[in-house]
Amino acid sequence: MSQGPSHPSSGSLPEFHLATIAHDGVIWDAYLEFEEDMHRPPTYRARLRFEPPTAGEGLGSTRTTVIIIEDSYEQAVTKARGFDDRQLQGLLRSTLPDGEE
């Protein structure tokens, strides 16, 4: 029996809702966002995107750089799921401008 593709064949990889965390009194949703790299097609490169509940109060979405590089979509998701809330909060803080920490 052959295995199917390790990600949907829609041409772009789906983002993955990773967690909902609290930081500085604001609830943030964390997503795993994949980047397609034409120079390294067999790898799955992803960053974290953090979304506040609303764009009000000067808060907007923010992203890390690519921090996950794995051989399959499933391995990338598993790696991201390994982050605990404290680590996600630290990654979120690292993406915020100095005045918003």
PDB file of N, CA and C in Angstrom:
ATOM      1  N   MET A   1       0.840  -1.170   0.000  1.00  0.00           N
ATOM      2  CA  MET A   1       0.000   0.000   0.000  1.00  0.00           C
ATOM      3  C   MET A   1       0.889   1.239   0.000  1.00  0.00           C
ATOM      4  N   SER A   2       0.638   2.175  -0.892  1.00  0.00           N
ATOM      5  CA  SER A   2       1.457   3.382  -0.935  1.00  0.00           C
ATOM      6  C   SER A   2       0.835   4.458  -0.065  1.00  0.00           C
ATOM      7  N   GLN A   3       1.693   5.286   0.487  1.00  0.00           N
ATOM      8  CA  GLN A   3       1.227   6.389   1.312  1.00  0.00           C
ATOM      9  C   GLN A   3       0.887   7.562   0.422  1.00  0.00           C
ATOM     10  N   GLY A   4      -0.108   8.319   0.827  1.00  0.00           N
ATOM     11  CA  GLY A   4      -0.487   9.527   0.100  1.00  0.00           C
ATOM     12  C   GLY A   4       0.490  10.637   0.401  1.00  0.00           C
ATOM     13  N   PRO A   5       0.269  11.782  -0.217  1.00  0.00           N
ATOM     14  CA  PRO A   5       1.148  12.915   0.046  1.00  0.00           C
ATOM     15  C   PRO A   5       1.083  13.305   1.515  1.00  0.00           C
ATOM     16  N   SER A   6       2.177  13.867   2.018  1.00  0.00           N
ATOM     17  CA  SER A   6       2.216  14.211   3.429  1.00  0.00           C
ATOM     18  C   SER A   6       1.585  15.571   3.699  1.00  0.00           C
ATOM     19  N   HIS A   7       1.019  16.187   2.693  1.00  0.00           N
ATOM     20  CA  HIS A   7       0.258  17.419   2.879  1.00  0.00           C
ATOM     21  C   HIS A   7      -0.742  17.542   1.748  1.00  0.00           C
ATOM     22  N   PRO A   8      -1.759  18.363   1.928  1.00  0.00           N
ATOM     23  CA  PRO A   8      -2.740  18.505   0.856  1.00  0.00           C
ATOM     24  C   PRO A   8      -2.083  18.975  -0.428  1.00  0.00           C
ATOM     25  N   SER A   9      -2.627  18.543  -1.539  1.00  0.00           N
ATOM     26  CA  SER A   9      -2.014  18.864  -2.823  1.00  0.00           C
ATOM     27  C   SER A   9      -2.578  20.141  -3.437  1.00  0.00           C
ATOM     28  N   SER A  10      -3.093  21.033  -2.610  1.00  0.00           N
ATOM     29  CA  SER A  10      -3.718  22.251  -3.108  1.00  0.00           C
ATOM     30  C   SER A  10      -2.706  23.262  -3.614  1.00  0.00           C
ATOM     31  N   GLY A  11      -1.427  22.985  -3.473  1.00  0.00           N
ATOM     32  CA  GLY A  11      -0.412  23.913  -3.956  1.00  0.00           C
ATOM     33  C   GLY A  11       0.218  24.712  -2.838  1.00  0.00           C
ATOM     34  N   SER A  12      -0.521  24.962  -1.775  1.00  0.00           N
ATOM     35  CA  SER A  12       0.073  25.633  -0.630  1.00  0.00           C
ATOM     36  C   SER A  12      -0.309  24.852   0.620  1.00  0.00           C
ATOM     37  N   LEU A  13       0.568  24.890   1.590  1.00  0.00           N
ATOM     38  CA  LEU A  13       0.344  24.131   2.807  1.00  0.00           C
ATOM     39  C   LEU A  13      -0.633  24.880   3.710  1.00  0.00           C
ATOM     40  N   PRO A  14      -1.511  24.154   4.369  1.00  0.00           N
ATOM     41  CA  PRO A  14      -2.464  24.817   5.254  1.00  0.00           C
ATOM     42  C   PRO A  14      -1.773  25.323   6.516  1.00  0.00           C
ATOM     43  N   GLU A  15      -2.270  26.439   7.046  1.00  0.00           N
ATOM     44  CA  GLU A  15      -1.762  26.862   8.339  1.00  0.00           C
ATOM     45  C   GLU A  15      -2.418  25.980   9.387  1.00  0.00           C
ATOM     46  N   PHE A  16      -1.828  25.961  10.554  1.00  0.00           N
ATOM     47  CA  PHE A  16      -2.274  25.059  11.600  1.00  0.00           C
ATOM     48  C   PHE A  16      -2.437  25.867  12.884  1.00  0.00           C
ATOM     49  N   HIS A  17      -3.636  25.853  13.481  1.00  0.00           N
ATOM     50  CA  HIS A  17      -3.840  26.544  14.762  1.00  0.00           C
ATOM     51  C   HIS A  17      -3.146  25.722  15.839  1.00  0.00           C
ATOM     52  N   LEU A  18      -2.172  26.343  16.452  1.00  0.00           N
ATOM     53  CA  LEU A  18      -1.327  25.636  17.409  1.00  0.00           C
ATOM     54  C   LEU A  18      -1.833  25.776  18.837  1.00  0.00           C
ATOM     55  N   ALA A  19      -2.170  26.992  19.249  1.00  0.00           N
ATOM     56  CA  ALA A  19      -2.545  27.213  20.640  1.00  0.00           C
ATOM     57  C   ALA A  19      -3.193  28.586  20.795  1.00  0.00           C
ATOM     58  N   THR A  20      -3.810  28.758  21.951  1.00  0.00           N
ATOM     59  CA  THR A  20      -4.288  30.061  22.381  1.00  0.00           C
ATOM     60  C   THR A  20      -3.578  30.346  23.689  1.00  0.00           C
ATOM     61  N   ILE A  21      -2.895  31.488  23.753  1.00  0.00           N
ATOM     62  CA  ILE A  21      -2.102  31.815  24.936  1.00  0.00           C
ATOM     63  C   ILE A  21      -2.457  33.221  25.413  1.00  0.00           C
ATOM     64  N   ALA A  22      -2.140  33.495  26.672  1.00  0.00           N
ATOM     65  CA  ALA A  22      -2.326  34.831  27.236  1.00  0.00           C
ATOM     66  C   ALA A  22      -0.960  35.477  27.406  1.00  0.00           C
ATOM     67  N   HIS A  23      -0.893  36.753  27.059  1.00  0.00           N
ATOM     68  CA  HIS A  23       0.330  37.517  27.271  1.00  0.00           C
ATOM     69  C   HIS A  23      -0.044  38.955  27.581  1.00  0.00           C
ATOM     70  N   ASP A  24       0.398  39.440  28.722  1.00  0.00           N
ATOM     71  CA  ASP A  24       0.189  40.828  29.125  1.00  0.00           C
ATOM     72  C   ASP A  24      -1.289  41.213  29.068  1.00  0.00           C
ATOM     73  N   GLY A  25      -2.153  40.305  29.516  1.00  0.00           N
ATOM     74  CA  GLY A  25      -3.576  40.573  29.584  1.00  0.00           C
ATOM     75  C   GLY A  25      -4.322  40.448  28.263  1.00  0.00           C
ATOM     76  N   VAL A  26      -3.654  39.979  27.223  1.00  0.00           N
ATOM     77  CA  VAL A  26      -4.268  39.821  25.903  1.00  0.00           C
ATOM     78  C   VAL A  26      -4.195  38.345  25.516  1.00  0.00           C
ATOM     79  N   ILE A  27      -5.286  37.845  24.951  1.00  0.00           N
ATOM     80  CA  ILE A  27      -5.328  36.465  24.453  1.00  0.00           C
ATOM     81  C   ILE A  27      -4.859  36.469  22.998  1.00  0.00           C
ATOM     82  N   TRP A  28      -3.910  35.611  22.682  1.00  0.00           N
ATOM     83  CA  TRP A  28      -3.358  35.502  21.328  1.00  0.00           C
ATOM     84  C   TRP A  28      -3.581  34.089  20.800  1.00  0.00           C
ATOM     85  N   ASP A  29      -3.878  33.979  19.526  1.00  0.00           N
ATOM     86  CA  ASP A  29      -3.903  32.681  18.856  1.00  0.00           C
ATOM     87  C   ASP A  29      -2.578  32.500  18.143  1.00  0.00           C
ATOM     88  N   ALA A  30      -1.993  31.325  18.281  1.00  0.00           N
ATOM     89  CA  ALA A  30      -0.719  31.005  17.629  1.00  0.00           C
ATOM     90  C   ALA A  30      -0.984  30.024  16.494  1.00  0.00           C
ATOM     91  N   TYR A  31      -0.452  30.336  15.326  1.00  0.00           N
ATOM     92  CA  TYR A  31      -0.616  29.502  14.140  1.00  0.00           C
ATOM     93  C   TYR A  31       0.750  29.088  13.607  1.00  0.00           C
ATOM     94  N   LEU A  32       0.813  27.892  13.081  1.00  0.00           N
ATOM     95  CA  LEU A  32       1.990  27.438  12.362  1.00  0.00           C
ATOM     96  C   LEU A  32       1.754  27.787  10.900  1.00  0.00           C
ATOM     97  N   GLU A  33       2.638  28.573  10.328  1.00  0.00           N
ATOM     98  CA  GLU A  33       2.474  29.091   8.968  1.00  0.00           C
ATOM     99  C   GLU A  33       3.645  28.596   8.124  1.00  0.00           C
ATOM    100  N   PHE A  34       3.343  27.886   7.063  1.00  0.00           N
ATOM    101  CA  PHE A  34       4.392  27.290   6.240  1.00  0.00           C
ATOM    102  C   PHE A  34       4.850  28.226   5.141  1.00  0.00           C
ATOM    103  N   GLU A  35       6.120  28.118   4.820  1.00  0.00           N
ATOM    104  CA  GLU A  35       6.736  28.892   3.742  1.00  0.00           C
ATOM    105  C   GLU A  35       7.204  27.903   2.692  1.00  0.00           C
ATOM    106  N   GLU A  36       6.824  28.138   1.475  1.00  0.00           N
ATOM    107  CA  GLU A  36       7.291  27.258   0.411  1.00  0.00           C
ATOM    108  C   GLU A  36       8.639  27.756  -0.076  1.00  0.00           C
ATOM    109  N   ASP A  37       9.605  26.863  -0.115  1.00  0.00           N
ATOM    110  CA  ASP A  37      10.963  27.203  -0.533  1.00  0.00           C
ATOM    111  C   ASP A  37      11.279  26.408  -1.797  1.00  0.00           C
ATOM    112  N   MET A  38      11.279  27.095  -2.907  1.00  0.00           N
ATOM    113  CA  MET A  38      11.523  26.419  -4.183  1.00  0.00           C
ATOM    114  C   MET A  38      12.939  25.860  -4.291  1.00  0.00           C
ATOM    115  N   HIS A  39      13.859  26.388  -3.489  1.00  0.00           N
ATOM    116  CA  HIS A  39      15.239  25.904  -3.532  1.00  0.00           C
ATOM    117  C   HIS A  39      15.422  24.623  -2.719  1.00  0.00           C
ATOM    118  N   ARG A  40      14.496  24.372  -1.794  1.00  0.00           N
ATOM    119  CA  ARG A  40      14.554  23.169  -0.967  1.00  0.00           C
ATOM    120  C   ARG A  40      13.174  22.511  -0.922  1.00  0.00           C
ATOM    121  N   PRO A  41      12.687  22.022  -2.050  1.00  0.00           N
ATOM    122  CA  PRO A  41      11.319  21.496  -2.087  1.00  0.00           C
ATOM    123  C   PRO A  41      11.018  20.339  -1.143  1.00  0.00           C
ATOM    124  N   PRO A  42      11.969  19.475  -0.792  1.00  0.00           N
ATOM    125  CA  PRO A  42      11.573  18.375   0.088  1.00  0.00           C
ATOM    126  C   PRO A  42      11.526  18.750   1.572  1.00  0.00           C
ATOM    127  N   THR A  43      11.740  20.019   1.930  1.00  0.00           N
ATOM    128  CA  THR A  43      11.691  20.403   3.334  1.00  0.00           C
ATOM    129  C   THR A  43      10.435  21.216   3.625  1.00  0.00           C
ATOM    130  N   TYR A  44      10.041  21.185   4.875  1.00  0.00           N
ATOM    131  CA  TYR A  44       8.860  21.901   5.344  1.00  0.00           C
ATOM    132  C   TYR A  44       9.322  22.943   6.350  1.00  0.00           C
ATOM    133  N   ARG A  45       9.265  24.191   5.911  1.00  0.00           N
ATOM    134  CA  ARG A  45       9.763  25.322   6.702  1.00  0.00           C
ATOM    135  C   ARG A  45       8.565  26.102   7.229  1.00  0.00           C
ATOM    136  N   ALA A  46       8.593  26.404   8.538  1.00  0.00           N
ATOM    137  CA  ALA A  46       7.445  27.086   9.126  1.00  0.00           C
ATOM    138  C   ALA A  46       7.876  28.126  10.147  1.00  0.00           C
ATOM    139  N   ARG A  47       7.016  29.109  10.289  1.00  0.00           N
ATOM    140  CA  ARG A  47       7.182  30.152  11.300  1.00  0.00           C
ATOM    141  C   ARG A  47       5.917  30.150  12.145  1.00  0.00           C
ATOM    142  N   LEU A  48       5.962  30.867  13.263  1.00  0.00           N
ATOM    143  CA  LEU A  48       4.767  31.040  14.077  1.00  0.00           C
ATOM    144  C   LEU A  48       4.187  32.413  13.804  1.00  0.00           C
ATOM    145  N   ARG A  49       2.868  32.464  13.649  1.00  0.00           N
ATOM    146  CA  ARG A  49       2.160  33.730  13.516  1.00  0.00           C
ATOM    147  C   ARG A  49       1.242  33.878  14.715  1.00  0.00           C
ATOM    148  N   PHE A  50       1.285  35.040  15.335  1.00  0.00           N
ATOM    149  CA  PHE A  50       0.456  35.317  16.497  1.00  0.00           C
ATOM    150  C   PHE A  50      -0.588  36.353  16.119  1.00  0.00           C
ATOM    151  N   GLU A  51      -1.841  36.057  16.444  1.00  0.00           N
ATOM    152  CA  GLU A  51      -2.957  36.938  16.125  1.00  0.00           C
ATOM    153  C   GLU A  51      -3.654  37.352  17.421  1.00  0.00           C
ATOM    154  N   PRO A  52      -3.811  38.672  17.656  1.00  0.00           N
ATOM    155  CA  PRO A  52      -4.597  39.113  18.815  1.00  0.00           C
ATOM    156  C   PRO A  52      -6.081  38.946  18.493  1.00  0.00           C
ATOM    157  N   PRO A  53      -6.945  39.037  19.493  1.00  0.00           N
ATOM    158  CA  PRO A  53      -8.370  38.828  19.240  1.00  0.00           C
ATOM    159  C   PRO A  53      -8.969  39.857  18.291  1.00  0.00           C
ATOM    160  N   THR A  54      -8.486  41.084  18.340  1.00  0.00           N
ATOM    161  CA  THR A  54      -8.945  42.131  17.419  1.00  0.00           C
ATOM    162  C   THR A  54      -7.749  42.984  17.038  1.00  0.00           C
ATOM    163  N   ALA A  55      -7.876  43.719  15.973  1.00  0.00           N
ATOM    164  CA  ALA A  55      -6.778  44.594  15.542  1.00  0.00           C
ATOM    165  C   ALA A  55      -6.796  45.912  16.300  1.00  0.00           C
ATOM    166  N   GLY A  56      -7.710  46.073  17.223  1.00  0.00           N
ATOM    167  CA  GLY A  56      -7.790  47.302  18.010  1.00  0.00           C
ATOM    168  C   GLY A  56      -6.633  47.434  18.986  1.00  0.00           C
ATOM    169  N   GLU A  57      -6.576  48.537  19.668  1.00  0.00           N
ATOM    170  CA  GLU A  57      -5.555  48.814  20.675  1.00  0.00           C
ATOM    171  C   GLU A  57      -4.146  48.764  20.107  1.00  0.00           C
ATOM    172  N   GLY A  58      -4.002  48.983  18.818  1.00  0.00           N
ATOM    173  CA  GLY A  58      -2.676  49.015  18.211  1.00  0.00           C
ATOM    174  C   GLY A  58      -2.024  47.663  18.037  1.00  0.00           C
ATOM    175  N   LEU A  59      -2.736  46.593  18.355  1.00  0.00           N
ATOM    176  CA  LEU A  59      -2.162  45.258  18.219  1.00  0.00           C
ATOM    177  C   LEU A  59      -2.523  44.676  16.861  1.00  0.00           C
ATOM    178  N   GLY A  60      -1.552  44.071  16.235  1.00  0.00           N
ATOM    179  CA  GLY A  60      -1.774  43.392  14.968  1.00  0.00           C
ATOM    180  C   GLY A  60      -1.048  42.064  14.978  1.00  0.00           C
ATOM    181  N   SER A  61      -1.195  41.311  13.914  1.00  0.00           N
ATOM    182  CA  SER A  61      -0.516  40.022  13.867  1.00  0.00           C
ATOM    183  C   SER A  61       0.988  40.229  13.796  1.00  0.00           C
ATOM    184  N   THR A  62       1.704  39.255  14.266  1.00  0.00           N
ATOM    185  CA  THR A  62       3.162  39.301  14.292  1.00  0.00           C
ATOM    186  C   THR A  62       3.685  37.896  14.018  1.00  0.00           C
ATOM    187  N   ARG A  63       4.909  37.811  13.471  1.00  0.00           N
ATOM    188  CA  ARG A  63       5.469  36.517  13.065  1.00  0.00           C
ATOM    189  C   ARG A  63       6.913  36.378  13.530  1.00  0.00           C
ATOM    190  N   THR A  64       7.279  35.125  13.754  1.00  0.00           N
ATOM    191  CA  THR A  64       8.690  34.816  13.965  1.00  0.00           C
ATOM    192  C   THR A  64       9.319  34.634  12.586  1.00  0.00           C
ATOM    193  N   THR A  65      10.592  34.471  12.565  1.00  0.00           N
ATOM    194  CA  THR A  65      11.259  34.029  11.346  1.00  0.00           C
ATOM    195  C   THR A  65      11.011  32.524  11.230  1.00  0.00           C
ATOM    196  N   VAL A  66      11.452  31.896  10.188  1.00  0.00           N
ATOM    197  CA  VAL A  66      11.316  30.442  10.069  1.00  0.00           C
ATOM    198  C   VAL A  66      12.113  29.805  11.197  1.00  0.00           C
ATOM    199  N   ILE A  67      11.428  29.032  12.022  1.00  0.00           N
ATOM    200  CA  ILE A  67      12.096  28.386  13.163  1.00  0.00           C
ATOM    201  C   ILE A  67      11.947  26.872  13.147  1.00  0.00           C
ATOM    202  N   ILE A  68      11.159  26.360  12.228  1.00  0.00           N
ATOM    203  CA  ILE A  68      10.970  24.908  12.129  1.00  0.00           C
ATOM    204  C   ILE A  68      11.284  24.477  10.711  1.00  0.00           C
ATOM    205  N   ILE A  69      12.196  23.525  10.593  1.00  0.00           N
ATOM    206  CA  ILE A  69      12.553  22.953   9.294  1.00  0.00           C
ATOM    207  C   ILE A  69      12.582  21.436   9.475  1.00  0.00           C
ATOM    208  N   GLU A  70      11.648  20.767   8.812  1.00  0.00           N
ATOM    209  CA  GLU A  70      11.529  19.322   8.963  1.00  0.00           C
ATOM    210  C   GLU A  70      11.370  18.661   7.594  1.00  0.00           C
ATOM    211  N   ASP A  71      11.460  17.340   7.583  1.00  0.00           N
ATOM    212  CA  ASP A  71      11.353  16.574   6.341  1.00  0.00           C
ATOM    213  C   ASP A  71       9.917  16.300   5.917  1.00  0.00           C
ATOM    214  N   SER A  72       8.951  16.481   6.827  1.00  0.00           N
ATOM    215  CA  SER A  72       7.553  16.257   6.462  1.00  0.00           C
ATOM    216  C   SER A  72       6.663  17.262   7.183  1.00  0.00           C
ATOM    217  N   TYR A  73       5.472  17.429   6.643  1.00  0.00           N
ATOM    218  CA  TYR A  73       4.474  18.312   7.256  1.00  0.00           C
ATOM    219  C   TYR A  73       4.165  17.817   8.670  1.00  0.00           C
ATOM    220  N   GLU A  74       3.963  16.519   8.821  1.00  0.00           N
ATOM    221  CA  GLU A  74       3.628  15.945  10.114  1.00  0.00           C
ATOM    222  C   GLU A  74       4.727  16.181  11.140  1.00  0.00           C
ATOM    223  N   GLN A  75       5.997  16.046  10.732  1.00  0.00           N
ATOM    224  CA  GLN A  75       7.101  16.300  11.656  1.00  0.00           C
ATOM    225  C   GLN A  75       7.141  17.764  12.084  1.00  0.00           C
ATOM    226  N   ALA A  76       6.844  18.661  11.165  1.00  0.00           N
ATOM    227  CA  ALA A  76       6.829  20.087  11.495  1.00  0.00           C
ATOM    228  C   ALA A  76       5.718  20.390  12.500  1.00  0.00           C
ATOM    229  N   VAL A  77       4.540  19.820  12.291  1.00  0.00           N
ATOM    230  CA  VAL A  77       3.431  20.031  13.222  1.00  0.00           C
ATOM    231  C   VAL A  77       3.770  19.441  14.586  1.00  0.00           C
ATOM    232  N   THR A  78       4.353  18.248  14.603  1.00  0.00           N
ATOM    233  CA  THR A  78       4.742  17.614  15.865  1.00  0.00           C
ATOM    234  C   THR A  78       5.759  18.471  16.612  1.00  0.00           C
ATOM    235  N   LYS A  79       6.725  19.009  15.903  1.00  0.00           N
ATOM    236  CA  LYS A  79       7.734  19.872  16.527  1.00  0.00           C
ATOM    237  C   LYS A  79       7.061  21.094  17.145  1.00  0.00           C
ATOM    238  N   ALA A  80       6.158  21.726  16.410  1.00  0.00           N
ATOM    239  CA  ALA A  80       5.472  22.924  16.911  1.00  0.00           C
ATOM    240  C   ALA A  80       4.600  22.599  18.122  1.00  0.00           C
ATOM    241  N   ARG A  81       3.957  21.454  18.100  1.00  0.00           N
ATOM    242  CA  ARG A  81       3.119  21.052  19.240  1.00  0.00           C
ATOM    243  C   ARG A  81       3.947  20.830  20.502  1.00  0.00           C
ATOM    244  N   GLY A  82       5.240  20.644  20.333  1.00  0.00           N
ATOM    245  CA  GLY A  82       6.129  20.447  21.480  1.00  0.00           C
ATOM    246  C   GLY A  82       6.401  21.716  22.279  1.00  0.00           C
ATOM    247  N   PHE A  83       6.079  22.867  21.730  1.00  0.00           N
ATOM    248  CA  PHE A  83       6.270  24.121  22.463  1.00  0.00           C
ATOM    249  C   PHE A  83       5.217  24.228  23.564  1.00  0.00           C
ATOM    250  N   ASP A  84       5.645  24.566  24.786  1.00  0.00           N
ATOM    251  CA  ASP A  84       4.665  24.800  25.844  1.00  0.00           C
ATOM    252  C   ASP A  84       4.292  26.287  25.861  1.00  0.00           C
ATOM    253  N   ASP A  85       3.314  26.646  26.683  1.00  0.00           N
ATOM    254  CA  ASP A  85       2.831  28.033  26.717  1.00  0.00           C
ATOM    255  C   ASP A  85       3.947  29.026  27.035  1.00  0.00           C
ATOM    256  N   ARG A  86       4.824  28.674  27.954  1.00  0.00           N
ATOM    257  CA  ARG A  86       5.921  29.567  28.330  1.00  0.00           C
ATOM    258  C   ARG A  86       6.827  29.845  27.139  1.00  0.00           C
ATOM    259  N   GLN A  87       7.132  28.816  26.362  1.00  0.00           N
ATOM    260  CA  GLN A  87       7.967  29.000  25.174  1.00  0.00           C
ATOM    261  C   GLN A  87       7.246  29.835  24.117  1.00  0.00           C
ATOM    262  N   LEU A  88       5.958  29.576  23.925  1.00  0.00           N
ATOM    263  CA  LEU A  88       5.188  30.366  22.962  1.00  0.00           C
ATOM    264  C   LEU A  88       5.113  31.833  23.380  1.00  0.00           C
ATOM    265  N   GLN A  89       4.945  32.086  24.676  1.00  0.00           N
ATOM    266  CA  GLN A  89       4.925  33.469  25.165  1.00  0.00           C
ATOM    267  C   GLN A  89       6.265  34.152  24.907  1.00  0.00           C
ATOM    268  N   GLY A  90       7.351  33.436  25.105  1.00  0.00           N
ATOM    269  CA  GLY A  90       8.682  33.988  24.826  1.00  0.00           C
ATOM    270  C   GLY A  90       8.866  34.298  23.350  1.00  0.00           C
ATOM    271  N   LEU A  91       8.398  33.413  22.499  1.00  0.00           N
ATOM    272  CA  LEU A  91       8.485  33.661  21.054  1.00  0.00           C
ATOM    273  C   LEU A  91       7.614  34.849  20.660  1.00  0.00           C
ATOM    274  N   LEU A  92       6.424  34.958  21.250  1.00  0.00           N
ATOM    275  CA  LEU A  92       5.570  36.114  20.991  1.00  0.00           C
ATOM    276  C   LEU A  92       6.268  37.396  21.429  1.00  0.00           C
ATOM    277  N   ARG A  93       6.808  37.412  22.649  1.00  0.00           N
ATOM    278  CA  ARG A  93       7.522  38.608  23.141  1.00  0.00           C
ATOM    279  C   ARG A  93       8.646  39.012  22.207  1.00  0.00           C
ATOM    280  N   SER A  94       9.326  38.031  21.629  1.00  0.00           N
ATOM    281  CA  SER A  94      10.458  38.339  20.759  1.00  0.00           C
ATOM    282  C   SER A  94      10.026  39.004  19.447  1.00  0.00           C
ATOM    283  N   THR A  95       8.745  38.909  19.112  1.00  0.00           N
ATOM    284  CA  THR A  95       8.262  39.506  17.863  1.00  0.00           C
ATOM    285  C   THR A  95       7.619  40.865  18.076  1.00  0.00           C
ATOM    286  N   LEU A  96       7.362  41.234  19.324  1.00  0.00           N
ATOM    287  CA  LEU A  96       6.677  42.497  19.609  1.00  0.00           C
ATOM    288  C   LEU A  96       7.665  43.657  19.652  1.00  0.00           C
ATOM    289  N   PRO A  97       7.243  44.831  19.218  1.00  0.00           N
ATOM    290  CA  PRO A  97       8.099  46.016  19.362  1.00  0.00           C
ATOM    291  C   PRO A  97       8.382  46.270  20.837  1.00  0.00           C
ATOM    292  N   ASP A  98       9.447  46.963  21.141  1.00  0.00           N
ATOM    293  CA  ASP A  98       9.867  47.189  22.529  1.00  0.00           C
ATOM    294  C   ASP A  98       8.766  47.773  23.410  1.00  0.00           C
ATOM    295  N   GLY A  99       7.978  48.680  22.901  1.00  0.00           N
ATOM    296  CA  GLY A  99       6.942  49.327  23.702  1.00  0.00           C
ATOM    297  C   GLY A  99       5.756  48.452  24.018  1.00  0.00           C
ATOM    298  N   GLU A 100       5.629  47.263  23.406  1.00  0.00           N
ATOM    299  CA  GLU A 100       4.457  46.417  23.597  1.00  0.00           C
ATOM    300  C   GLU A 100       4.744  45.187  24.450  1.00  0.00           C
ATOM    301  N   GLU A 101       5.895  45.117  25.065  1.00  0.00           N
ATOM    302  CA  GLU A 101       6.190  43.960  25.894  1.00  0.00           C
ATOM    303  C   GLU A 101       5.507  44.134  27.201  1.00  0.00           C
TER     304      GLU A 101
END
